[in-house]
């Protein structure tokens, strides 16, 4: 069975993990209410998707 001969240093370990960053989600503007929303999803503010109402949203 393969066993490491030496301990992996903190620097070497952290170099391997540099690409594990969390990315900000992409946002687009809703064409109906002009609020930011995730692409290809129903707008959480107005309930529209592709110029038609998909769900009824309760107004607070």
N, C-alpha and C. Protein backbone atom coordinates (compact mmCIF):
# COMPACT_ATOMS: atom_id res chain seq x y z
N UNK A 1 0.84 -1.18 0.00
CA UNK A 1 0.00 0.00 0.00
C UNK A 1 0.88 1.25 0.00
N UNK A 2 0.52 2.25 -0.78
CA UNK A 2 1.31 3.47 -0.88
C UNK A 2 1.13 4.33 0.36
N UNK A 3 2.24 4.70 0.96
CA UNK A 3 2.23 5.54 2.16
C UNK A 3 3.19 6.70 1.91
N UNK A 4 2.79 7.95 2.23
CA UNK A 4 3.70 9.08 2.02
C UNK A 4 4.97 8.93 2.84
N UNK A 5 6.12 9.21 2.21
CA UNK A 5 7.39 9.09 2.91
C UNK A 5 7.57 10.24 3.90
N UNK A 6 7.10 11.43 3.49
CA UNK A 6 7.21 12.60 4.35
C UNK A 6 5.87 13.32 4.45
N UNK A 7 5.71 14.05 5.53
CA UNK A 7 4.50 14.83 5.74
C UNK A 7 4.40 15.95 4.70
N UNK A 8 3.20 16.22 4.21
CA UNK A 8 3.01 17.30 3.24
C UNK A 8 3.00 18.62 4.00
N UNK A 9 3.83 19.57 3.55
CA UNK A 9 3.94 20.85 4.25
C UNK A 9 2.67 21.68 4.07
N UNK A 10 2.50 22.66 4.95
CA UNK A 10 1.33 23.53 4.87
C UNK A 10 1.30 24.28 3.54
N UNK A 11 2.46 24.73 3.09
CA UNK A 11 2.52 25.47 1.84
C UNK A 11 2.09 24.61 0.67
N UNK A 12 2.59 23.40 0.60
CA UNK A 12 2.26 22.50 -0.50
C UNK A 12 0.77 22.13 -0.47
N UNK A 13 0.25 21.89 0.72
CA UNK A 13 -1.17 21.57 0.88
C UNK A 13 -2.03 22.75 0.43
N UNK A 14 -1.67 23.97 0.86
CA UNK A 14 -2.46 25.15 0.54
C UNK A 14 -2.37 25.52 -0.93
N UNK A 15 -1.25 25.23 -1.59
CA UNK A 15 -1.13 25.46 -3.02
C UNK A 15 -2.14 24.62 -3.78
N UNK A 16 -2.36 23.42 -3.32
CA UNK A 16 -3.31 22.51 -3.97
C UNK A 16 -4.75 23.01 -3.79
N UNK A 17 -5.01 23.71 -2.69
CA UNK A 17 -6.37 24.15 -2.38
C UNK A 17 -6.69 25.57 -2.86
N UNK A 18 -5.82 26.21 -3.63
CA UNK A 18 -6.05 27.60 -4.02
C UNK A 18 -7.27 27.77 -4.91
N UNK A 19 -7.69 26.74 -5.62
CA UNK A 19 -8.80 26.87 -6.57
C UNK A 19 -10.13 26.45 -5.96
N UNK A 20 -10.21 26.27 -4.64
CA UNK A 20 -11.43 25.85 -3.98
C UNK A 20 -12.31 27.01 -3.55
N UNK A 21 -12.09 28.19 -4.11
CA UNK A 21 -12.80 29.38 -3.67
C UNK A 21 -14.28 29.32 -4.06
N UNK A 22 -15.11 29.88 -3.23
CA UNK A 22 -16.53 30.01 -3.57
C UNK A 22 -16.70 31.15 -4.55
N UNK A 23 -17.55 30.97 -5.54
CA UNK A 23 -17.76 31.99 -6.56
C UNK A 23 -19.08 32.71 -6.30
N UNK A 24 -19.11 33.98 -6.64
CA UNK A 24 -20.34 34.75 -6.53
C UNK A 24 -21.32 34.27 -7.59
N UNK A 25 -22.60 34.13 -7.24
CA UNK A 25 -23.56 33.68 -8.25
C UNK A 25 -23.78 34.75 -9.31
N UNK A 26 -24.02 34.31 -10.54
CA UNK A 26 -24.29 35.22 -11.64
C UNK A 26 -25.69 35.80 -11.47
N UNK A 27 -25.82 37.10 -11.67
CA UNK A 27 -27.12 37.76 -11.55
C UNK A 27 -27.46 38.46 -12.85
N UNK A 28 -28.74 38.43 -13.21
CA UNK A 28 -29.24 39.17 -14.35
C UNK A 28 -30.37 40.07 -13.86
N UNK A 29 -30.84 40.95 -14.73
CA UNK A 29 -31.91 41.86 -14.36
C UNK A 29 -33.22 41.29 -14.90
N UNK A 30 -34.23 41.26 -14.06
CA UNK A 30 -35.56 40.79 -14.46
C UNK A 30 -36.14 41.79 -15.47
N UNK A 31 -36.59 41.33 -16.64
CA UNK A 31 -37.13 42.27 -17.63
C UNK A 31 -38.49 42.86 -17.22
N UNK A 32 -39.13 42.27 -16.23
CA UNK A 32 -40.45 42.76 -15.81
C UNK A 32 -40.35 43.80 -14.70
N UNK A 33 -39.60 43.48 -13.61
CA UNK A 33 -39.54 44.40 -12.46
C UNK A 33 -38.16 45.02 -12.27
N UNK A 34 -37.18 44.62 -13.08
CA UNK A 34 -35.82 45.18 -13.05
C UNK A 34 -35.08 44.94 -11.74
N UNK A 35 -35.43 43.87 -11.04
CA UNK A 35 -34.72 43.46 -9.84
C UNK A 35 -33.67 42.40 -10.23
N UNK A 36 -32.57 42.28 -9.47
CA UNK A 36 -31.59 41.23 -9.80
C UNK A 36 -32.13 39.84 -9.48
N UNK A 37 -31.86 38.89 -10.37
CA UNK A 37 -32.30 37.52 -10.17
C UNK A 37 -31.30 36.57 -10.80
N UNK A 38 -31.34 35.29 -10.42
CA UNK A 38 -30.48 34.27 -11.02
C UNK A 38 -31.00 33.96 -12.41
N UNK A 39 -30.11 33.73 -13.38
CA UNK A 39 -30.58 33.43 -14.73
C UNK A 39 -31.31 32.08 -14.81
N UNK A 40 -32.28 32.00 -15.70
CA UNK A 40 -33.07 30.79 -15.96
C UNK A 40 -33.88 30.35 -14.75
N UNK A 41 -34.31 31.30 -13.94
CA UNK A 41 -35.13 30.99 -12.77
C UNK A 41 -36.27 31.99 -12.68
N UNK A 42 -37.32 31.63 -11.97
CA UNK A 42 -38.45 32.53 -11.75
C UNK A 42 -37.98 33.68 -10.87
N UNK A 43 -38.42 34.89 -11.19
CA UNK A 43 -38.05 36.06 -10.40
C UNK A 43 -38.72 35.96 -9.03
N UNK A 44 -37.95 36.03 -7.92
CA UNK A 44 -38.56 35.92 -6.59
C UNK A 44 -39.35 37.16 -6.19
N UNK A 45 -39.19 38.27 -6.90
CA UNK A 45 -39.86 39.51 -6.54
C UNK A 45 -41.22 39.65 -7.22
N UNK A 46 -41.30 39.30 -8.52
CA UNK A 46 -42.57 39.49 -9.23
C UNK A 46 -43.19 38.17 -9.69
N UNK A 47 -42.44 37.06 -9.69
CA UNK A 47 -42.98 35.76 -10.07
C UNK A 47 -43.04 35.51 -11.56
N UNK A 48 -42.39 36.34 -12.35
CA UNK A 48 -42.42 36.17 -13.80
C UNK A 48 -41.23 35.35 -14.29
N UNK A 49 -41.46 34.63 -15.40
CA UNK A 49 -40.39 33.91 -16.08
C UNK A 49 -40.67 33.98 -17.57
N UNK A 50 -39.74 34.53 -18.33
CA UNK A 50 -39.87 34.68 -19.78
C UNK A 50 -41.18 35.37 -20.17
N UNK A 51 -41.40 36.54 -19.65
CA UNK A 51 -42.53 37.40 -20.00
C UNK A 51 -43.91 36.83 -19.68
N UNK A 52 -44.00 35.85 -18.81
CA UNK A 52 -45.31 35.35 -18.39
C UNK A 52 -45.26 35.06 -16.89
N UNK A 53 -46.40 35.23 -16.23
CA UNK A 53 -46.44 35.02 -14.78
C UNK A 53 -46.42 33.52 -14.49
N UNK A 54 -45.45 33.09 -13.70
CA UNK A 54 -45.29 31.67 -13.37
C UNK A 54 -45.91 31.35 -12.01
N UNK A 55 -45.72 32.25 -11.05
CA UNK A 55 -46.27 32.05 -9.70
C UNK A 55 -46.84 33.37 -9.20
N UNK A 56 -47.76 33.30 -8.26
CA UNK A 56 -48.26 34.50 -7.61
C UNK A 56 -47.39 34.78 -6.38
N UNK A 57 -46.89 36.01 -6.30
CA UNK A 57 -46.02 36.41 -5.19
C UNK A 57 -46.82 37.31 -4.27
N UNK A 58 -46.82 36.98 -2.97
CA UNK A 58 -47.52 37.80 -1.98
C UNK A 58 -46.72 39.07 -1.72
N UNK A 59 -47.40 40.20 -1.68
CA UNK A 59 -46.75 41.47 -1.41
C UNK A 59 -46.67 41.65 0.10
N UNK A 60 -45.48 42.03 0.58
CA UNK A 60 -45.28 42.21 2.02
C UNK A 60 -45.79 43.57 2.46
